[in-house]
């Protein structure tokens, strides 16, 4: 089945990211606009859902439909409460500021896993200068809520540089991580980390190696457990596209996208049969697919 991409909203001039199907509408971030947008497909309307989001990038939700975000400009992971307030879950590790939190996912125990790369220029004026980077590593972290309401933070990977998109398998026994380096000495791989008892990560398997070309940025899951991912650019290689990978890394589908660099994707609409795609230029695309998305937050709690 060939996918035809519909332009839902034209580029606004900054990066769009973090698509999340939320109830009956799609939320996504305007990173440089420091706001979250809400698109209602039934009414075909777009409105500002939340402002002053500190260059928020990735979004997720838990079993109670609370929204979590990586606020890269504030170098923190937060939860947006129903009353409009913001709860800060983490902004440092061992006394040093986080890099630029990028993407996140909530596991069945309510723990929040997030990636913390330092991408120059991605989160406001401070981010252009690597002298502002305090941590000596770019890692995957896990946050766990304690009985007193505070959150602990734990470093989960020792082998990542600029980890980007993050996603659990259907059974939550595998954590998929996009290793998305920029420099020539950094790898661009889709990795699968086995999750052992107690939540520790075992040695990863490379599901797909993108070589010198731009790898996976964001990704989501369909109900068969396949990974639907945005990758590539207009500058080299296969070009900007949507990939569908099997859980073992086989490329099941490849769909070229009419944009420079796709950033992320999420299934939406009433049947979760449409895929929404964001880009570095700020587009919002939609395409009908032959797949059904696995709901974010399903099976949690």
Protein backbone atom coordinates (compact mmCIF):
# COMPACT_ATOMS: atom_id res chain seq x y z
CA UNK A 1 0.00 0.00 0.00
CA UNK A 2 1.41 3.37 -1.03
CA UNK A 3 0.94 6.17 1.50
CA UNK A 4 -0.20 9.57 0.27
CA UNK A 5 0.76 12.44 2.56
CA UNK A 6 -1.75 15.21 3.21
CA UNK A 7 -0.48 18.58 4.44
CA UNK A 8 -2.62 19.29 7.50
CA UNK A 9 -0.72 22.41 8.58
CA UNK A 10 2.02 24.20 6.64
CA UNK A 11 5.45 24.80 8.19
CA UNK A 12 5.58 27.57 10.77
CA UNK A 13 9.33 28.13 10.45
CA UNK A 14 10.52 26.13 13.45
CA UNK A 15 10.64 22.48 14.43
CA UNK A 16 7.42 20.56 15.09
CA UNK A 17 7.74 17.48 17.29
CA UNK A 18 6.21 15.24 19.95
CA UNK A 19 2.94 14.15 18.29
CA UNK A 20 0.59 12.49 20.77
CA UNK A 21 -2.95 11.30 20.17
CA UNK A 22 -4.83 12.60 23.19
CA UNK A 23 -8.50 11.71 23.47
CA UNK A 24 -9.99 12.78 20.15
CA UNK A 25 -7.31 15.19 18.99
CA UNK A 26 -3.61 15.37 18.23
CA UNK A 27 -1.17 17.30 20.39
CA UNK A 28 2.23 18.28 19.07
CA UNK A 29 4.95 20.75 19.98
CA UNK A 30 6.16 23.89 18.25
CA UNK A 31 9.61 23.77 19.82
CA UNK A 32 10.84 27.27 18.96
CA UNK A 33 7.34 28.66 19.55
CA UNK A 34 7.40 27.23 23.10
CA UNK A 35 3.87 25.95 22.78
CA UNK A 36 1.83 22.79 22.36
CA UNK A 37 -0.72 22.76 19.56
CA UNK A 38 -3.95 20.78 19.37
CA UNK A 39 -5.38 19.62 16.06
CA UNK A 40 -9.01 18.45 15.99
CA UNK A 41 -9.52 16.31 12.86
CA UNK A 42 -13.30 16.28 13.22
CA UNK A 43 -13.51 20.07 13.07
CA UNK A 44 -10.27 20.52 11.09
CA UNK A 45 -9.17 23.18 13.59
CA UNK A 46 -5.81 24.01 15.12
CA UNK A 47 -5.43 25.86 18.40
CA UNK A 48 -2.84 26.53 21.08
CA UNK A 49 -3.20 23.93 23.83
CA UNK A 50 -0.46 25.19 26.14
CA UNK A 51 2.04 28.06 26.05
CA UNK A 52 5.38 28.86 27.71
CA UNK A 53 6.61 25.28 27.42
CA UNK A 54 10.36 26.04 27.46
CA UNK A 55 11.16 24.55 24.06
CA UNK A 56 9.27 21.34 24.90
CA UNK A 57 10.01 18.48 22.52
CA UNK A 58 8.73 14.97 23.26
CA UNK A 59 5.32 14.30 24.81
CA UNK A 60 3.82 11.20 26.41
CA UNK A 61 1.00 10.26 28.76
CA UNK A 62 0.31 7.83 31.57
CA UNK A 63 -2.65 5.59 32.39
CA UNK A 64 -4.41 8.55 34.00
CA UNK A 65 -4.05 10.62 30.83
CA UNK A 66 -1.66 13.07 32.44
CA UNK A 67 0.78 14.57 29.95
CA UNK A 68 4.55 14.38 30.39
CA UNK A 69 7.02 16.53 28.47
CA UNK A 70 10.72 17.05 27.88
CA UNK A 71 11.22 20.80 28.30
CA UNK A 72 14.59 21.13 26.64
CA UNK A 73 14.98 24.86 27.21
CA UNK A 74 14.54 24.41 30.95
CA UNK A 75 16.59 21.21 30.89
CA UNK A 76 13.92 19.26 32.74
CA UNK A 77 11.25 16.56 32.54
CA UNK A 78 7.81 17.65 33.70
CA UNK A 79 4.21 16.55 34.13
CA UNK A 80 1.37 18.87 33.22
CA UNK A 81 -1.37 18.64 35.82
CA UNK A 82 -5.08 18.88 35.06
CA UNK A 83 -5.35 22.23 36.83
CA UNK A 84 -2.77 23.83 34.57
CA UNK A 85 0.21 23.65 36.91
CA UNK A 86 3.53 22.01 36.08
CA UNK A 87 5.29 19.43 38.25
CA UNK A 88 9.05 19.13 37.72
CA UNK A 89 10.14 15.49 37.89
CA UNK A 90 13.86 16.02 37.25
CA UNK A 91 16.25 18.75 36.13
CA UNK A 92 19.61 17.40 37.27
CA UNK A 93 21.63 14.25 37.86
CA UNK A 94 24.17 14.01 40.68
CA UNK A 95 24.18 17.78 41.07
CA UNK A 96 24.69 18.62 37.39
CA UNK A 97 22.09 20.02 35.03
CA UNK A 98 20.56 17.66 32.51
CA UNK A 99 21.56 18.16 28.89
CA UNK A 100 18.48 18.77 26.72
CA UNK A 101 15.79 16.16 27.50
CA UNK A 102 14.37 15.01 24.18
CA UNK A 103 11.86 12.15 24.24
CA UNK A 104 10.15 10.03 26.88
CA UNK A 105 7.88 7.07 27.56
CA UNK A 106 6.00 5.82 30.64
CA UNK A 107 6.26 2.13 31.54
CA UNK A 108 3.59 -0.10 33.19
CA UNK A 109 4.99 0.72 36.65
CA UNK A 110 4.54 4.44 36.04
CA UNK A 111 8.27 5.03 35.69
CA UNK A 112 9.34 7.65 33.15
CA UNK A 113 12.18 6.81 30.77
CA UNK A 114 13.73 9.68 28.82
CA UNK A 115 16.60 10.44 26.50
CA UNK A 116 18.98 13.29 27.30
CA UNK A 117 21.16 14.28 24.32
CA UNK A 118 22.87 17.61 23.77
CA UNK A 119 21.91 18.76 20.28
CA UNK A 120 23.44 22.16 19.63
CA UNK A 121 20.86 24.85 18.92
CA UNK A 122 17.84 22.68 19.69
CA UNK A 123 16.50 24.46 22.77
CA UNK A 124 17.17 28.18 22.75
CA UNK A 125 20.22 30.43 23.15
CA UNK A 126 22.08 28.42 25.82
CA UNK A 127 22.01 25.27 23.70
CA UNK A 128 24.24 26.68 20.95
CA UNK A 129 27.27 26.44 23.23
CA UNK A 130 28.66 23.11 24.37
CA UNK A 131 30.37 24.96 27.22
CA UNK A 132 26.93 24.91 28.86
CA UNK A 133 26.89 21.12 28.84
CA UNK A 134 27.52 19.91 32.40
CA UNK A 135 27.13 16.14 32.11
CA UNK A 136 29.97 14.20 30.49
CA UNK A 137 27.54 11.78 28.85
CA UNK A 138 24.32 11.65 26.81
CA UNK A 139 22.23 8.91 28.38
CA UNK A 140 18.85 7.29 28.84
CA UNK A 141 17.49 7.96 32.34
CA UNK A 142 14.63 6.52 34.37
CA UNK A 143 12.51 8.41 36.87
CA UNK A 144 10.61 6.61 39.61
CA UNK A 145 8.06 8.16 41.93
CA UNK A 146 8.56 7.63 45.65
CA UNK A 147 5.93 7.33 48.39
CA UNK A 148 6.45 10.96 49.40
CA UNK A 149 5.74 12.18 45.87
CA UNK A 150 9.34 12.94 44.93
CA UNK A 151 11.07 11.30 41.97
CA UNK A 152 14.42 9.53 41.88
CA UNK A 153 16.58 9.56 38.76
CA UNK A 154 18.79 6.72 37.57
CA UNK A 155 21.12 6.48 34.59
CA UNK A 156 20.20 3.45 32.47
CA UNK A 157 22.65 3.49 29.54
CA UNK A 158 26.42 3.83 29.51
CA UNK A 159 26.85 3.36 25.76
CA UNK A 160 24.73 6.06 24.09
CA UNK A 161 25.71 9.34 22.48
CA UNK A 162 22.79 11.63 21.64
CA UNK A 163 19.98 9.13 22.22
CA UNK A 164 16.82 10.43 20.59
CA UNK A 165 13.49 8.60 20.14
CA UNK A 166 12.53 6.03 22.76
CA UNK A 167 9.83 3.36 22.71
CA UNK A 168 8.82 0.14 24.47
CA UNK A 169 7.82 -3.08 22.73
CA UNK A 170 4.28 -4.35 23.20
CA UNK A 171 5.27 -6.54 26.15
CA UNK A 172 7.63 -3.86 27.56
CA UNK A 173 10.45 -6.38 27.61
CA UNK A 174 12.44 -4.45 25.01
CA UNK A 175 13.35 -0.78 24.99
CA UNK A 176 13.95 0.68 21.55
CA UNK A 177 16.36 3.62 21.44
CA UNK A 178 17.34 5.74 18.47
CA UNK A 179 21.08 6.34 18.68
CA UNK A 180 21.19 9.49 16.54
CA UNK A 181 24.66 10.97 16.39
CA UNK A 182 25.53 14.04 14.36
CA UNK A 183 29.31 13.78 14.17
CA UNK A 184 31.11 11.38 11.87
CA UNK A 185 32.43 9.44 14.87
CA UNK A 186 28.94 8.88 16.30
CA UNK A 187 26.74 5.97 15.29
CA UNK A 188 23.26 6.22 13.80
CA UNK A 189 21.45 3.05 14.83
CA UNK A 190 18.07 1.75 15.89
CA UNK A 191 18.85 -0.25 19.01
CA UNK A 192 16.90 -2.82 21.03
CA UNK A 193 17.78 -3.15 24.73
CA UNK A 194 16.34 -6.17 26.59
CA UNK A 195 14.67 -5.19 29.86
CA UNK A 196 15.58 -7.64 32.61
CA UNK A 197 13.84 -8.28 35.92
CA UNK A 198 13.97 -5.15 38.04
CA UNK A 199 14.12 -2.94 34.98
CA UNK A 200 17.84 -3.21 34.21
CA UNK A 201 18.91 -3.03 30.56
CA UNK A 202 20.96 -5.76 28.95
CA UNK A 203 23.38 -5.41 26.01
CA UNK A 204 21.68 -3.95 22.96
CA UNK A 205 21.10 -5.41 19.53
CA UNK A 206 21.39 -3.20 16.46
CA UNK A 207 18.14 -3.55 14.55
CA UNK A 208 19.18 -1.18 11.76
CA UNK A 209 22.41 0.68 11.04
CA UNK A 210 21.96 3.87 8.99
CA UNK A 211 25.68 4.25 8.43
CA UNK A 212 26.67 7.81 7.60
CA UNK A 213 23.11 8.95 6.90
CA UNK A 214 20.58 10.49 9.27
CA UNK A 215 18.94 7.80 11.34
CA UNK A 216 15.76 7.52 13.38
CA UNK A 217 14.50 10.63 15.12
CA UNK A 218 11.07 9.67 16.51
CA UNK A 219 8.97 6.51 16.42
CA UNK A 220 5.75 4.84 17.48
CA UNK A 221 4.31 1.33 17.62
CA UNK A 222 1.51 -0.43 15.76
CA UNK A 223 -0.71 -3.13 17.24
CA UNK A 224 1.44 -5.87 15.68
CA UNK A 225 4.48 -4.59 17.54
CA UNK A 226 6.14 -3.08 14.48
CA UNK A 227 8.16 0.12 14.82
CA UNK A 228 7.05 3.04 12.66
CA UNK A 229 9.88 5.58 12.51
CA UNK A 230 10.90 8.88 10.94
CA UNK A 231 14.40 8.99 9.49
CA UNK A 232 16.58 10.38 6.71
CA UNK A 233 17.02 13.79 5.14
CA UNK A 234 16.99 15.45 1.74
CA UNK A 235 20.77 15.85 1.82
CA UNK A 236 21.92 12.29 1.20
CA UNK A 237 21.11 8.61 1.26
CA UNK A 238 17.58 7.21 0.84
CA UNK A 239 16.08 10.60 1.69
CA UNK A 240 13.41 11.65 4.20
CA UNK A 241 11.02 8.80 4.86
CA UNK A 242 8.83 6.75 7.11
CA UNK A 243 10.21 3.30 7.87
CA UNK A 244 8.24 0.35 9.22
CA UNK A 245 10.52 -2.11 11.01
CA UNK A 246 9.57 -5.51 12.37
CA UNK A 247 10.59 -6.17 16.01
CA UNK A 248 13.65 -7.98 14.65
CA UNK A 249 14.67 -5.05 12.46
CA UNK A 250 13.45 -6.12 9.03
CA UNK A 251 12.36 -3.18 6.87
CA UNK A 252 8.73 -3.97 6.08
CA UNK A 253 7.84 -0.69 4.41
CA UNK A 254 9.56 2.49 3.22
CA UNK A 255 7.59 5.64 2.33
CA UNK A 256 9.34 8.74 0.99
CA UNK A 257 8.13 11.96 2.60
CA UNK A 258 7.85 15.42 0.94
CA UNK A 259 9.88 17.30 3.56
CA UNK A 260 13.52 17.94 4.41
CA UNK A 261 13.72 16.04 7.69
CA UNK A 262 10.87 14.24 9.46
CA UNK A 263 11.13 14.42 13.23
CA UNK A 264 8.44 12.22 14.76
CA UNK A 265 5.17 10.39 14.17
CA UNK A 266 2.08 9.13 15.98
CA UNK A 267 -1.02 7.20 15.06
CA UNK A 268 -4.31 9.04 15.40
CA UNK A 269 -7.94 9.52 14.34
CA UNK A 270 -10.82 7.53 15.83
CA UNK A 271 -9.51 4.18 14.56
CA UNK A 272 -5.83 5.00 15.10
CA UNK A 273 -5.37 4.21 11.43
CA UNK A 274 -3.84 7.51 10.36
CA UNK A 275 -0.22 8.47 10.90
CA UNK A 276 0.64 12.07 11.77
CA UNK A 277 4.16 13.29 11.02
CA UNK A 278 6.11 16.35 12.18
CA UNK A 279 9.26 17.86 10.60
CA UNK A 280 12.20 20.19 11.18
CA UNK A 281 10.43 22.80 9.07
CA UNK A 282 7.30 22.69 11.21
CA UNK A 283 4.90 20.73 9.01
CA UNK A 284 2.09 18.52 10.19
CA UNK A 285 1.35 15.74 7.70
CA UNK A 286 -1.22 12.97 7.83
CA UNK A 287 -1.54 9.76 5.87
CA UNK A 288 -3.97 6.87 6.00
CA UNK A 289 -2.18 3.59 6.54
CA UNK A 290 -2.82 -0.13 6.41
CA UNK A 291 -1.91 -0.32 10.09
CA UNK A 292 -3.42 0.49 13.46
CA UNK A 293 -1.52 2.31 16.13
CA UNK A 294 -0.91 0.98 19.62
CA UNK A 295 -2.32 3.63 21.98
CA UNK A 296 0.22 5.49 24.10
CA UNK A 297 -0.56 4.67 27.73
CA UNK A 298 -2.41 1.45 26.86
CA UNK A 299 -1.90 -1.26 29.43
CA UNK A 300 -0.34 1.09 31.95
CA UNK A 301 -1.29 1.38 35.57
